[in-house]
Amino acid sequence: MRKNKAIVAVILALSVTCAAAHADQEKVNYKIKRLVSQLYSKQSMMDAQRKLSNCGTEATEYVLPVLGDAGNESARIAALKVLASVADERAEDDVVVLLKDGSPRVRQEAARTLGIIGKKDSSVDALRKLLVSDYSPNVRYNAVNAMARMARQKDEDVFIAVLGDYDPRVRKSAVTALGTLKSKEVVQYLAQMVRDIDPEVRFELVWALGEIKSPDCLQPLVWIVADPVPEIRVMAVEKIGMLKEGDTEGALAEISESLHPEVCSLAIRVLADRGSGKALGIAKEHIDDEYMEVKLASIYAIGKMGTHEDIALLTVLLSAESTKVREAAEEALAELGKSK
């Protein structure tokens, strides 16, 4: 009898627990439904969007129907932003449908959302069509960004095609995608971008060529060393120094004659760090350069590559007027002493 009473008590306790859990879930569901309804109000939309994002993937099933409301552009966009925030891949197919939406703002947001939750080849195929056909630059930009994240080798052709897009953001993202794919076959197309009017595109181009690292990358990188933007010039020299194939040392030797001190000095340092036989002679030629950074780079290179015969050359610099030169000479002599 006591045993039966205990069993009944356990069953009752479980029933109460389940009922409480069900009630709690109902409260959550009601809260989500109420927030979804607020996506239709311009006054409450932003707050509802934020709170729905905090609900996580539980919100997905309630938000998805909003995507089908063709009469409310703002609500569809808000719903897409929620789905992107919760990053629920289950919504992928529903979002793809909106790539054909009549509103460019909706297509734009759908493409951005797929860049976060997209995984399927069918999504990439839909983005591909959008990228080459949509008149809105914002849509194309989000489409190419999404495709770049899911970059497939077979999409090289479309990335190459949009290198000529009039929107620099699209061109930049296309360059990023091609660099991510690391295909040697695309270098000839990337080389045509060295004179792109937008510096951000050229900066990304240097990165992409540095990722591909084929011998064909050397020449376009050498061209970029003459870029009007100092940061781009410097990055190009750095990438040349990382190449394993091609006459990189010959290229760096030529670059060391650049009139831009930041380029010349870096080329000298890179040659020294690579242990190039060209470094010592070039460094000696520039030891009295008018630019301090070139002079310091030359001292550094002599310390790395010099011989016992170069001690006298460095010793003279210990009495130089410049503190930087004296310190560099001391370090170079110490390095020379260690290596010899």
C-alpha atoms as a PDB file:
ATOM      1  CA  MET A   1       0.000   0.000   0.000  1.00  0.00           C
ATOM      2  CA  ARG A   2       2.800   2.384   0.969  1.00  0.00           C
ATOM      3  CA  LYS A   3       4.597   1.522  -2.269  1.00  0.00           C
ATOM      4  CA  ASN A   4       1.517   2.369  -4.335  1.00  0.00           C
ATOM      5  CA  LYS A   5       1.134   5.685  -2.548  1.00  0.00           C
ATOM      6  CA  ALA A   6       4.763   6.532  -3.300  1.00  0.00           C
ATOM      7  CA  ILE A   7       4.280   5.754  -7.001  1.00  0.00           C
ATOM      8  CA  VAL A   8       1.169   7.904  -7.120  1.00  0.00           C
ATOM      9  CA  ALA A   9       3.054  10.757  -5.440  1.00  0.00           C
ATOM     10  CA  VAL A  10       5.861  10.543  -8.019  1.00  0.00           C
ATOM     11  CA  ILE A  11       3.373  10.538 -10.897  1.00  0.00           C
ATOM     12  CA  LEU A  12       1.597  13.571  -9.466  1.00  0.00           C
ATOM     13  CA  ALA A  13       4.897  15.401  -9.015  1.00  0.00           C
ATOM     14  CA  LEU A  14       5.900  14.665 -12.616  1.00  0.00           C
ATOM     15  CA  SER A  15       2.519  15.833 -13.848  1.00  0.00           C
ATOM     16  CA  VAL A  16       2.866  19.093 -11.967  1.00  0.00           C
ATOM     17  CA  THR A  17       6.410  19.576 -13.328  1.00  0.00           C
ATOM     18  CA  CYS A  18       5.313  18.881 -16.918  1.00  0.00           C
ATOM     19  CA  ALA A  19       2.343  21.208 -16.560  1.00  0.00           C
ATOM     20  CA  ALA A  20       4.594  23.950 -15.207  1.00  0.00           C
ATOM     21  CA  ALA A  21       7.092  23.439 -18.038  1.00  0.00           C
ATOM     22  CA  HIS A  22       4.282  23.536 -20.580  1.00  0.00           C
ATOM     23  CA  ALA A  23       2.950  26.718 -19.034  1.00  0.00           C
ATOM     24  CA  ASP A  24       6.415  28.286 -19.157  1.00  0.00           C
ATOM     25  CA  GLN A  25       6.787  27.323 -22.816  1.00  0.00           C
ATOM     26  CA  GLU A  26       3.385  28.797 -23.569  1.00  0.00           C
ATOM     27  CA  LYS A  27       4.521  32.049 -21.991  1.00  0.00           C
ATOM     28  CA  VAL A  28       7.655  32.043 -24.161  1.00  0.00           C
ATOM     29  CA  ASN A  29       5.609  31.294 -27.271  1.00  0.00           C
ATOM     30  CA  TYR A  30       3.166  34.075 -26.449  1.00  0.00           C
ATOM     31  CA  LYS A  31       6.043  36.498 -25.899  1.00  0.00           C
ATOM     32  CA  ILE A  32       7.612  35.579 -29.261  1.00  0.00           C
ATOM     33  CA  LYS A  33       4.288  35.866 -31.086  1.00  0.00           C
ATOM     34  CA  ARG A  34       3.704  39.277 -29.559  1.00  0.00           C
ATOM     35  CA  LEU A  35       7.181  40.427 -30.601  1.00  0.00           C
ATOM     36  CA  VAL A  36       6.660  39.117 -34.138  1.00  0.00           C
ATOM     37  CA  SER A  37       3.464  41.148 -34.408  1.00  0.00           C
ATOM     38  CA  GLN A  38       5.479  44.226 -33.454  1.00  0.00           C
ATOM     39  CA  LEU A  39       7.672  43.778 -36.541  1.00  0.00           C
ATOM     40  CA  TYR A  40       4.797  45.359 -38.451  1.00  0.00           C
ATOM     41  CA  SER A  41       4.967  48.586 -36.455  1.00  0.00           C
ATOM     42  CA  LYS A  42       7.596  51.168 -37.331  1.00  0.00           C
ATOM     43  CA  GLN A  43       7.523  52.417 -33.749  1.00  0.00           C
ATOM     44  CA  SER A  44       8.249  49.037 -32.133  1.00  0.00           C
ATOM     45  CA  MET A  45      10.075  47.261 -34.978  1.00  0.00           C
ATOM     46  CA  MET A  46      13.656  47.898 -33.846  1.00  0.00           C
ATOM     47  CA  ASP A  47      13.010  46.910 -30.242  1.00  0.00           C
ATOM     48  CA  ALA A  48      11.088  43.794 -31.292  1.00  0.00           C
ATOM     49  CA  GLN A  49      13.868  42.840 -33.672  1.00  0.00           C
ATOM     50  CA  ARG A  50      16.443  43.078 -30.885  1.00  0.00           C
ATOM     51  CA  LYS A  51      14.374  41.074 -28.416  1.00  0.00           C
ATOM     52  CA  LEU A  52      13.570  38.377 -30.979  1.00  0.00           C
ATOM     53  CA  SER A  53      17.260  38.033 -31.712  1.00  0.00           C
ATOM     54  CA  ASN A  54      17.784  37.348 -28.011  1.00  0.00           C
ATOM     55  CA  CYS A  55      15.241  34.517 -28.195  1.00  0.00           C
ATOM     56  CA  GLY A  56      17.603  32.525 -30.406  1.00  0.00           C
ATOM     57  CA  THR A  57      16.435  29.865 -32.844  1.00  0.00           C
ATOM     58  CA  GLU A  58      13.145  29.470 -30.942  1.00  0.00           C
ATOM     59  CA  ALA A  59      11.979  32.555 -32.801  1.00  0.00           C
ATOM     60  CA  THR A  60      12.561  31.079 -36.269  1.00  0.00           C
ATOM     61  CA  GLU A  61       9.253  29.249 -36.771  1.00  0.00           C
ATOM     62  CA  TYR A  62       7.313  32.362 -35.779  1.00  0.00           C
ATOM     63  CA  VAL A  63       9.387  34.750 -37.881  1.00  0.00           C
ATOM     64  CA  LEU A  64       9.376  32.707 -41.110  1.00  0.00           C
ATOM     65  CA  PRO A  65       5.737  33.477 -42.023  1.00  0.00           C
ATOM     66  CA  VAL A  66       6.590  37.190 -42.061  1.00  0.00           C
ATOM     67  CA  LEU A  67       8.900  36.555 -45.027  1.00  0.00           C
ATOM     68  CA  GLY A  68       5.866  35.679 -47.095  1.00  0.00           C
ATOM     69  CA  ASP A  69       4.033  38.924 -46.399  1.00  0.00           C
ATOM     70  CA  ALA A  70       4.412  40.573 -49.799  1.00  0.00           C
ATOM     71  CA  GLY A  71       2.522  43.633 -48.621  1.00  0.00           C
ATOM     72  CA  ASN A  72       4.982  44.795 -45.986  1.00  0.00           C
ATOM     73  CA  GLU A  73       8.555  45.407 -47.133  1.00  0.00           C
ATOM     74  CA  SER A  74       9.776  46.705 -43.768  1.00  0.00           C
ATOM     75  CA  ALA A  75       8.462  43.658 -41.903  1.00  0.00           C
ATOM     76  CA  ARG A  76      10.168  41.285 -44.357  1.00  0.00           C
ATOM     77  CA  ILE A  77      13.456  43.119 -43.918  1.00  0.00           C
ATOM     78  CA  ALA A  78      13.114  43.078 -40.125  1.00  0.00           C
ATOM     79  CA  ALA A  79      12.371  39.341 -40.199  1.00  0.00           C
ATOM     80  CA  LEU A  80      15.461  38.714 -42.321  1.00  0.00           C
ATOM     81  CA  LYS A  81      17.585  40.650 -39.849  1.00  0.00           C
ATOM     82  CA  VAL A  82      16.258  38.514 -37.000  1.00  0.00           C
ATOM     83  CA  LEU A  83      17.056  35.307 -38.895  1.00  0.00           C
ATOM     84  CA  ALA A  84      20.558  36.568 -39.607  1.00  0.00           C
ATOM     85  CA  SER A  85      21.035  37.406 -35.922  1.00  0.00           C
ATOM     86  CA  VAL A  86      19.935  33.991 -34.670  1.00  0.00           C
ATOM     87  CA  ALA A  87      21.930  32.341 -37.515  1.00  0.00           C
ATOM     88  CA  ASP A  88      19.419  29.531 -37.978  1.00  0.00           C
ATOM     89  CA  GLU A  89      20.371  27.500 -41.058  1.00  0.00           C
ATOM     90  CA  ARG A  90      16.880  25.970 -41.169  1.00  0.00           C
ATOM     91  CA  ALA A  91      15.641  29.228 -42.671  1.00  0.00           C
ATOM     92  CA  GLU A  92      17.982  29.027 -45.671  1.00  0.00           C
ATOM     93  CA  ASP A  93      15.457  27.837 -48.270  1.00  0.00           C
ATOM     94  CA  ASP A  94      12.876  30.430 -47.211  1.00  0.00           C
ATOM     95  CA  VAL A  95      15.452  33.200 -47.466  1.00  0.00           C
ATOM     96  CA  VAL A  96      16.594  32.112 -50.945  1.00  0.00           C
ATOM     97  CA  VAL A  97      13.065  32.736 -52.224  1.00  0.00           C
ATOM     98  CA  LEU A  98      13.420  36.421 -51.334  1.00  0.00           C
ATOM     99  CA  LEU A  99      16.373  36.836 -53.684  1.00  0.00           C
ATOM    100  CA  LYS A 100      13.654  37.264 -56.326  1.00  0.00           C
ATOM    101  CA  ASP A 101      11.655  39.758 -54.262  1.00  0.00           C
ATOM    102  CA  GLY A 102      10.422  42.851 -56.065  1.00  0.00           C
ATOM    103  CA  SER A 103      12.047  45.131 -53.507  1.00  0.00           C
ATOM    104  CA  PRO A 104      15.811  45.728 -53.883  1.00  0.00           C
ATOM    105  CA  ARG A 105      16.031  46.372 -50.134  1.00  0.00           C
ATOM    106  CA  VAL A 106      14.577  42.933 -49.428  1.00  0.00           C
ATOM    107  CA  ARG A 107      16.879  41.268 -51.980  1.00  0.00           C
ATOM    108  CA  GLN A 108      19.800  43.083 -50.421  1.00  0.00           C
ATOM    109  CA  GLU A 109      18.939  41.842 -46.926  1.00  0.00           C
ATOM    110  CA  ALA A 110      18.220  38.316 -48.165  1.00  0.00           C
ATOM    111  CA  ALA A 111      21.656  38.152 -49.778  1.00  0.00           C
ATOM    112  CA  ARG A 112      23.290  39.409 -46.588  1.00  0.00           C
ATOM    113  CA  THR A 113      21.408  36.836 -44.508  1.00  0.00           C
ATOM    114  CA  LEU A 114      22.538  34.015 -46.791  1.00  0.00           C
ATOM    115  CA  GLY A 115      26.081  35.173 -46.241  1.00  0.00           C
ATOM    116  CA  ILE A 116      25.543  34.177 -42.602  1.00  0.00           C
ATOM    117  CA  ILE A 117      23.314  31.089 -42.751  1.00  0.00           C
ATOM    118  CA  GLY A 118      23.880  29.846 -46.309  1.00  0.00           C
ATOM    119  CA  LYS A 119      25.424  26.403 -46.807  1.00  0.00           C
ATOM    120  CA  LYS A 120      23.735  24.835 -49.817  1.00  0.00           C
ATOM    121  CA  ASP A 121      24.959  24.865 -53.401  1.00  0.00           C
ATOM    122  CA  SER A 122      21.466  25.863 -54.472  1.00  0.00           C
ATOM    123  CA  SER A 123      21.833  29.065 -52.442  1.00  0.00           C
ATOM    124  CA  VAL A 124      25.152  29.877 -54.093  1.00  0.00           C
ATOM    125  CA  ASP A 125      23.624  29.243 -57.517  1.00  0.00           C
ATOM    126  CA  ALA A 126      20.801  31.677 -56.733  1.00  0.00           C
ATOM    127  CA  LEU A 127      23.280  34.286 -55.483  1.00  0.00           C
ATOM    128  CA  ARG A 128      25.343  33.806 -58.616  1.00  0.00           C
ATOM    129  CA  LYS A 129      22.381  34.686 -60.843  1.00  0.00           C
ATOM    130  CA  LEU A 130      21.616  37.694 -58.678  1.00  0.00           C
ATOM    131  CA  LEU A 131      25.190  38.958 -58.799  1.00  0.00           C
ATOM    132  CA  VAL A 132      25.371  39.161 -62.571  1.00  0.00           C
ATOM    133  CA  SER A 133      21.859  40.457 -63.191  1.00  0.00           C
ATOM    134  CA  ASP A 134      20.660  42.746 -60.389  1.00  0.00           C
ATOM    135  CA  TYR A 135      20.664  46.472 -61.119  1.00  0.00           C
ATOM    136  CA  SER A 136      21.111  47.464 -57.464  1.00  0.00           C
ATOM    137  CA  PRO A 137      24.769  47.846 -56.395  1.00  0.00           C
ATOM    138  CA  ASN A 138      23.812  47.136 -52.776  1.00  0.00           C
ATOM    139  CA  VAL A 139      22.242  43.835 -53.791  1.00  0.00           C
ATOM    140  CA  ARG A 140      25.272  42.877 -55.877  1.00  0.00           C
ATOM    141  CA  TYR A 141      27.591  43.830 -53.031  1.00  0.00           C
ATOM    142  CA  ASN A 142      25.804  41.615 -50.507  1.00  0.00           C
ATOM    143  CA  ALA A 143      25.534  38.827 -53.073  1.00  0.00           C
ATOM    144  CA  VAL A 144      29.248  38.798 -53.844  1.00  0.00           C
ATOM    145  CA  ASN A 145      30.058  38.961 -50.117  1.00  0.00           C
ATOM    146  CA  ALA A 146      27.857  35.950 -49.457  1.00  0.00           C
ATOM    147  CA  MET A 147      29.384  34.070 -52.382  1.00  0.00           C
ATOM    148  CA  ALA A 148      32.894  34.930 -51.209  1.00  0.00           C
ATOM    149  CA  ARG A 149      32.152  33.315 -47.849  1.00  0.00           C
ATOM    150  CA  MET A 150      30.984  30.145 -49.594  1.00  0.00           C
ATOM    151  CA  ALA A 151      33.500  30.457 -52.451  1.00  0.00           C
ATOM    152  CA  ARG A 152      33.541  27.511 -54.852  1.00  0.00           C
ATOM    153  CA  GLN A 153      36.209  26.921 -57.473  1.00  0.00           C
ATOM    154  CA  LYS A 154      33.586  26.688 -60.194  1.00  0.00           C
ATOM    155  CA  ASP A 155      32.469  30.258 -59.437  1.00  0.00           C
ATOM    156  CA  GLU A 156      35.790  31.779 -60.505  1.00  0.00           C
ATOM    157  CA  ASP A 157      34.250  32.939 -63.768  1.00  0.00           C
ATOM    158  CA  VAL A 158      31.563  35.044 -62.103  1.00  0.00           C
ATOM    159  CA  PHE A 159      34.067  36.614 -59.693  1.00  0.00           C
ATOM    160  CA  ILE A 160      36.269  37.476 -62.669  1.00  0.00           C
ATOM    161  CA  ALA A 161      33.261  38.943 -64.483  1.00  0.00           C
ATOM    162  CA  VAL A 162      32.409  41.348 -61.658  1.00  0.00           C
ATOM    163  CA  LEU A 163      35.974  42.631 -61.395  1.00  0.00           C
ATOM    164  CA  GLY A 164      34.656  45.168 -63.881  1.00  0.00           C
ATOM    165  CA  ASP A 165      31.641  46.194 -61.781  1.00  0.00           C
ATOM    166  CA  TYR A 166      31.287  49.961 -61.421  1.00  0.00           C
ATOM    167  CA  ASP A 167      30.803  49.651 -57.644  1.00  0.00           C
ATOM    168  CA  PRO A 168      34.228  49.409 -55.930  1.00  0.00           C
ATOM    169  CA  ARG A 169      32.764  47.382 -53.055  1.00  0.00           C
ATOM    170  CA  VAL A 170      31.746  44.665 -55.503  1.00  0.00           C
ATOM    171  CA  ARG A 171      35.170  44.683 -57.154  1.00  0.00           C
ATOM    172  CA  LYS A 172      36.896  44.476 -53.782  1.00  0.00           C
ATOM    173  CA  SER A 173      34.798  41.506 -52.640  1.00  0.00           C
ATOM    174  CA  ALA A 174      35.410  39.740 -55.957  1.00  0.00           C
ATOM    175  CA  VAL A 175      39.151  40.175 -55.452  1.00  0.00           C
ATOM    176  CA  THR A 176      38.787  38.788 -51.919  1.00  0.00           C
ATOM    177  CA  ALA A 177      36.964  35.723 -53.229  1.00  0.00           C
ATOM    178  CA  LEU A 178      39.601  35.046 -55.885  1.00  0.00           C
ATOM    179  CA  GLY A 179      42.345  35.384 -53.298  1.00  0.00           C
ATOM    180  CA  THR A 180      40.517  32.954 -51.035  1.00  0.00           C
ATOM    181  CA  LEU A 181      40.265  30.403 -53.845  1.00  0.00           C
ATOM    182  CA  LYS A 182      44.041  30.751 -54.478  1.00  0.00           C
ATOM    183  CA  SER A 183      43.753  29.759 -58.115  1.00  0.00           C
ATOM    184  CA  LYS A 184      46.850  30.505 -60.197  1.00  0.00           C
ATOM    185  CA  GLU A 185      44.724  30.807 -63.330  1.00  0.00           C
ATOM    186  CA  VAL A 186      43.105  34.052 -62.159  1.00  0.00           C
ATOM    187  CA  VAL A 187      46.332  36.030 -61.719  1.00  0.00           C
ATOM    188  CA  GLN A 188      46.160  37.352 -65.291  1.00  0.00           C
ATOM    189  CA  TYR A 189      42.781  38.916 -64.491  1.00  0.00           C
ATOM    190  CA  LEU A 190      43.861  40.266 -61.117  1.00  0.00           C
ATOM    191  CA  ALA A 191      46.897  41.855 -62.768  1.00  0.00           C
ATOM    192  CA  GLN A 192      44.516  44.103 -64.680  1.00  0.00           C
ATOM    193  CA  MET A 193      43.365  45.617 -61.371  1.00  0.00           C
ATOM    194  CA  VAL A 194      46.695  47.202 -60.386  1.00  0.00           C
ATOM    195  CA  ARG A 195      45.503  50.597 -61.617  1.00  0.00           C
ATOM    196  CA  ASP A 196      42.006  50.366 -60.150  1.00  0.00           C
ATOM    197  CA  ILE A 197      40.797  53.809 -59.180  1.00  0.00           C
ATOM    198  CA  ASP A 198      39.822  52.712 -55.664  1.00  0.00           C
ATOM    199  CA  PRO A 199      42.692  52.263 -53.154  1.00  0.00           C
ATOM    200  CA  GLU A 200      40.752  49.709 -51.101  1.00  0.00           C
ATOM    201  CA  VAL A 201      40.455  47.500 -54.170  1.00  0.00           C
ATOM    202  CA  ARG A 202      44.198  47.787 -54.797  1.00  0.00           C
ATOM    203  CA  PHE A 203      44.969  47.028 -51.148  1.00  0.00           C
ATOM    204  CA  GLU A 204      42.817  43.904 -51.344  1.00  0.00           C
ATOM    205  CA  LEU A 205      44.526  43.004 -54.608  1.00  0.00           C
ATOM    206  CA  VAL A 206      47.914  42.925 -52.884  1.00  0.00           C
ATOM    207  CA  TRP A 207      46.461  40.624 -50.235  1.00  0.00           C
ATOM    208  CA  ALA A 208      44.985  38.301 -52.878  1.00  0.00           C
ATOM    209  CA  LEU A 209      48.238  38.052 -54.829  1.00  0.00           C
ATOM    210  CA  GLY A 210      50.032  37.307 -51.577  1.00  0.00           C
ATOM    211  CA  GLU A 211      47.604  34.462 -50.919  1.00  0.00           C
ATOM    212  CA  ILE A 212      47.997  32.914 -54.370  1.00  0.00           C
ATOM    213  CA  LYS A 213      51.831  33.118 -54.266  1.00  0.00           C
ATOM    214  CA  SER A 214      52.417  31.834 -57.814  1.00  0.00           C
ATOM    215  CA  PRO A 215      55.398  33.065 -59.898  1.00  0.00           C
ATOM    216  CA  ASP A 216      52.946  35.089 -62.020  1.00  0.00           C
ATOM    217  CA  CYS A 217      52.115  37.178 -58.950  1.00  0.00           C
ATOM    218  CA  LEU A 218      55.562  38.770 -58.920  1.00  0.00           C
ATOM    219  CA  GLN A 219      55.115  41.170 -61.839  1.00  0.00           C
ATOM    220  CA  PRO A 220      51.786  42.706 -60.729  1.00  0.00           C
ATOM    221  CA  LEU A 221      53.199  43.125 -57.223  1.00  0.00           C
ATOM    222  CA  VAL A 222      56.216  44.921 -58.681  1.00  0.00           C
ATOM    223  CA  TRP A 223      53.865  47.229 -60.566  1.00  0.00           C
ATOM    224  CA  ILE A 224      51.968  47.973 -57.363  1.00  0.00           C
ATOM    225  CA  VAL A 225      55.189  49.072 -55.656  1.00  0.00           C
ATOM    226  CA  ALA A 226      54.707  52.320 -57.608  1.00  0.00           C
ATOM    227  CA  ASP A 227      51.209  52.834 -56.141  1.00  0.00           C
ATOM    228  CA  PRO A 228      50.438  56.393 -54.967  1.00  0.00           C
ATOM    229  CA  VAL A 229      49.372  55.103 -51.523  1.00  0.00           C
ATOM    230  CA  PRO A 230      52.355  54.402 -49.189  1.00  0.00           C
ATOM    231  CA  GLU A 231      50.610  51.612 -47.263  1.00  0.00           C
ATOM    232  CA  ILE A 232      49.878  49.755 -50.488  1.00  0.00           C
ATOM    233  CA  ARG A 233      53.480  50.134 -51.680  1.00  0.00           C
ATOM    234  CA  VAL A 234      54.811  48.739 -48.408  1.00  0.00           C
ATOM    235  CA  MET A 235      52.407  45.809 -48.391  1.00  0.00           C
ATOM    236  CA  ALA A 236      53.415  44.949 -51.967  1.00  0.00           C
ATOM    237  CA  VAL A 237      57.091  44.771 -50.973  1.00  0.00           C
ATOM    238  CA  GLU A 238      56.198  42.556 -48.003  1.00  0.00           C
ATOM    239  CA  LYS A 239      54.288  40.162 -50.252  1.00  0.00           C
ATOM    240  CA  ILE A 240      57.142  40.037 -52.758  1.00  0.00           C
ATOM    241  CA  GLY A 241      59.442  39.062 -49.905  1.00  0.00           C
ATOM    242  CA  MET A 242      57.157  36.127 -49.098  1.00  0.00           C
ATOM    243  CA  LEU A 243      57.175  34.652 -52.598  1.00  0.00           C
ATOM    244  CA  LYS A 244      59.098  31.394 -52.902  1.00  0.00           C
ATOM    245  CA  GLU A 245      59.234  31.244 -56.694  1.00  0.00           C
ATOM    246  CA  GLY A 246      60.417  33.612 -59.398  1.00  0.00           C
ATOM    247  CA  ASP A 247      63.258  36.134 -59.382  1.00  0.00           C
ATOM    248  CA  THR A 248      62.109  37.822 -56.208  1.00  0.00           C
ATOM    249  CA  GLU A 249      65.615  38.846 -55.184  1.00  0.00           C
ATOM    250  CA  GLY A 250      66.194  40.519 -58.535  1.00  0.00           C
ATOM    251  CA  ALA A 251      62.890  42.339 -58.146  1.00  0.00           C
ATOM    252  CA  LEU A 252      63.752  43.445 -54.608  1.00  0.00           C
ATOM    253  CA  ALA A 253      67.143  44.677 -55.798  1.00  0.00           C
ATOM    254  CA  GLU A 254      65.414  46.879 -58.383  1.00  0.00           C
ATOM    255  CA  ILE A 255      62.873  48.043 -55.821  1.00  0.00           C
ATOM    256  CA  SER A 256      65.706  49.126 -53.512  1.00  0.00           C
ATOM    257  CA  GLU A 257      66.372  51.924 -56.020  1.00  0.00           C
ATOM    258  CA  SER A 258      62.891  53.342 -55.443  1.00  0.00           C
ATOM    259  CA  LEU A 259      62.614  57.031 -54.674  1.00  0.00           C
ATOM    260  CA  HIS A 260      60.141  56.190 -51.914  1.00  0.00           C
ATOM    261  CA  PRO A 261      62.206  55.698 -48.732  1.00  0.00           C
ATOM    262  CA  GLU A 262      59.695  53.363 -47.083  1.00  0.00           C
ATOM    263  CA  VAL A 263      59.894  51.084 -50.131  1.00  0.00           C
ATOM    264  CA  CYS A 264      63.661  51.246 -50.545  1.00  0.00           C
ATOM    265  CA  SER A 265      64.363  50.589 -46.852  1.00  0.00           C
ATOM    266  CA  LEU A 266      61.970  47.659 -46.653  1.00  0.00           C
ATOM    267  CA  ALA A 267      63.440  46.069 -49.788  1.00  0.00           C
ATOM    268  CA  ILE A 268      66.917  46.250 -48.240  1.00  0.00           C
ATOM    269  CA  ARG A 269      65.715  44.696 -44.980  1.00  0.00           C
ATOM    270  CA  VAL A 270      63.842  41.915 -46.772  1.00  0.00           C
ATOM    271  CA  LEU A 271      66.901  41.072 -48.873  1.00  0.00           C
ATOM    272  CA  ALA A 272      69.000  40.876 -45.715  1.00  0.00           C
ATOM    273  CA  ASP A 273      66.452  38.715 -43.906  1.00  0.00           C
ATOM    274  CA  ARG A 274      66.373  36.353 -46.885  1.00  0.00           C
ATOM    275  CA  GLY A 275      70.146  36.071 -46.745  1.00  0.00           C
ATOM    276  CA  SER A 276      70.456  37.374 -50.290  1.00  0.00           C
ATOM    277  CA  GLY A 277      73.927  37.870 -51.711  1.00  0.00           C
ATOM    278  CA  LYS A 278      72.659  41.132 -53.207  1.00  0.00           C
ATOM    279  CA  ALA A 279      71.875  42.666 -49.823  1.00  0.00           C
ATOM    280  CA  LEU A 280      75.382  43.662 -48.735  1.00  0.00           C
ATOM    281  CA  GLY A 281      76.338  45.545 -51.891  1.00  0.00           C
ATOM    282  CA  ILE A 282      73.019  47.388 -51.996  1.00  0.00           C
ATOM    283  CA  ALA A 283      73.302  48.295 -48.312  1.00  0.00           C
ATOM    284  CA  LYS A 284      76.768  49.760 -48.791  1.00  0.00           C
ATOM    285  CA  GLU A 285      75.491  51.875 -51.680  1.00  0.00           C
ATOM    286  CA  HIS A 286      72.795  53.347 -49.437  1.00  0.00           C
ATOM    287  CA  ILE A 287      74.761  53.715 -46.211  1.00  0.00           C
ATOM    288  CA  ASP A 288      74.910  57.497 -46.683  1.00  0.00           C
ATOM    289  CA  ASP A 289      71.366  57.874 -47.999  1.00  0.00           C
ATOM    290  CA  GLU A 290      69.627  61.154 -47.232  1.00  0.00           C
ATOM    291  CA  TYR A 291      66.628  59.343 -45.757  1.00  0.00           C
ATOM    292  CA  MET A 292      67.091  58.070 -42.225  1.00  0.00           C
ATOM    293  CA  GLU A 293      64.994  54.931 -42.666  1.00  0.00           C
ATOM    294  CA  VAL A 294      67.051  53.885 -45.703  1.00  0.00           C
ATOM    295  CA  LYS A 295      70.282  54.548 -43.826  1.00  0.00           C
ATOM    296  CA  LEU A 296      69.099  52.496 -40.833  1.00  0.00           C
ATOM    297  CA  ALA A 297      67.991  49.645 -43.091  1.00  0.00           C
ATOM    298  CA  SER A 298      71.420  49.642 -44.734  1.00  0.00           C
ATOM    299  CA  ILE A 299      73.167  49.462 -41.357  1.00  0.00           C
ATOM    300  CA  TYR A 300      70.854  46.596 -40.383  1.00  0.00           C
ATOM    301  CA  ALA A 301      71.678  44.710 -43.595  1.00  0.00           C
ATOM    302  CA  ILE A 302      75.426  45.152 -43.127  1.00  0.00           C
ATOM    303  CA  GLY A 303      75.086  43.750 -39.627  1.00  0.00           C
ATOM    304  CA  LYS A 304      73.227  40.727 -40.996  1.00  0.00           C
ATOM    305  CA  MET A 305      75.290  40.077 -44.110  1.00  0.00           C
ATOM    306  CA  GLY A 306      78.625  41.832 -43.547  1.00  0.00           C
ATOM    307  CA  THR A 307      82.088  40.372 -43.011  1.00  0.00           C
ATOM    308  CA  HIS A 308      85.038  41.237 -40.787  1.00  0.00           C
ATOM    309  CA  GLU A 309      86.050  43.812 -43.386  1.00  0.00           C
ATOM    310  CA  ASP A 310      82.844  45.796 -42.731  1.00  0.00           C
ATOM    311  CA  ILE A 311      83.572  46.392 -39.038  1.00  0.00           C
ATOM    312  CA  ALA A 312      85.461  49.584 -39.815  1.00  0.00           C
ATOM    313  CA  LEU A 313      82.523  50.919 -41.842  1.00  0.00           C
ATOM    314  CA  LEU A 314      80.166  50.413 -38.921  1.00  0.00           C
ATOM    315  CA  THR A 315      82.642  51.634 -36.313  1.00  0.00           C
ATOM    316  CA  VAL A 316      82.792  55.043 -37.982  1.00  0.00           C
ATOM    317  CA  LEU A 317      79.047  55.370 -37.459  1.00  0.00           C
ATOM    318  CA  LEU A 318      79.426  55.047 -33.688  1.00  0.00           C
ATOM    319  CA  SER A 319      80.378  58.718 -33.646  1.00  0.00           C
ATOM    320  CA  ALA A 320      77.517  59.868 -35.891  1.00  0.00           C
ATOM    321  CA  GLU A 321      75.417  62.844 -34.803  1.00  0.00           C
ATOM    322  CA  SER A 322      72.186  60.857 -34.899  1.00  0.00           C
ATOM    323  CA  THR A 323      71.363  58.743 -31.865  1.00  0.00           C
ATOM    324  CA  LYS A 324      69.401  56.363 -34.073  1.00  0.00           C
ATOM    325  CA  VAL A 325      72.401  55.823 -36.335  1.00  0.00           C
ATOM    326  CA  ARG A 326      74.738  55.218 -33.385  1.00  0.00           C
ATOM    327  CA  GLU A 327      72.350  52.722 -31.810  1.00  0.00           C
ATOM    328  CA  ALA A 328      71.811  50.933 -35.131  1.00  0.00           C
ATOM    329  CA  ALA A 329      75.578  50.722 -35.654  1.00  0.00           C
ATOM    330  CA  GLU A 330      76.049  49.234 -32.176  1.00  0.00           C
ATOM    331  CA  GLU A 331      73.390  46.605 -32.853  1.00  0.00           C
ATOM    332  CA  ALA A 332      74.867  45.828 -36.265  1.00  0.00           C
ATOM    333  CA  LEU A 333      78.364  45.398 -34.817  1.00  0.00           C
ATOM    334  CA  ALA A 334      76.980  43.078 -32.146  1.00  0.00           C
ATOM    335  CA  GLU A 335      75.169  41.066 -34.816  1.00  0.00           C
ATOM    336  CA  LEU A 336      78.288  40.971 -36.960  1.00  0.00           C
ATOM    337  CA  GLY A 337      80.320  39.750 -34.009  1.00  0.00           C
ATOM    338  CA  LYS A 338      77.833  36.958 -33.268  1.00  0.00           C
ATOM    339  CA  SER A 339      77.670  35.683 -36.823  1.00  0.00           C
ATOM    340  CA  LYS A 340      81.383  35.825 -37.470  1.00  0.00           C
END
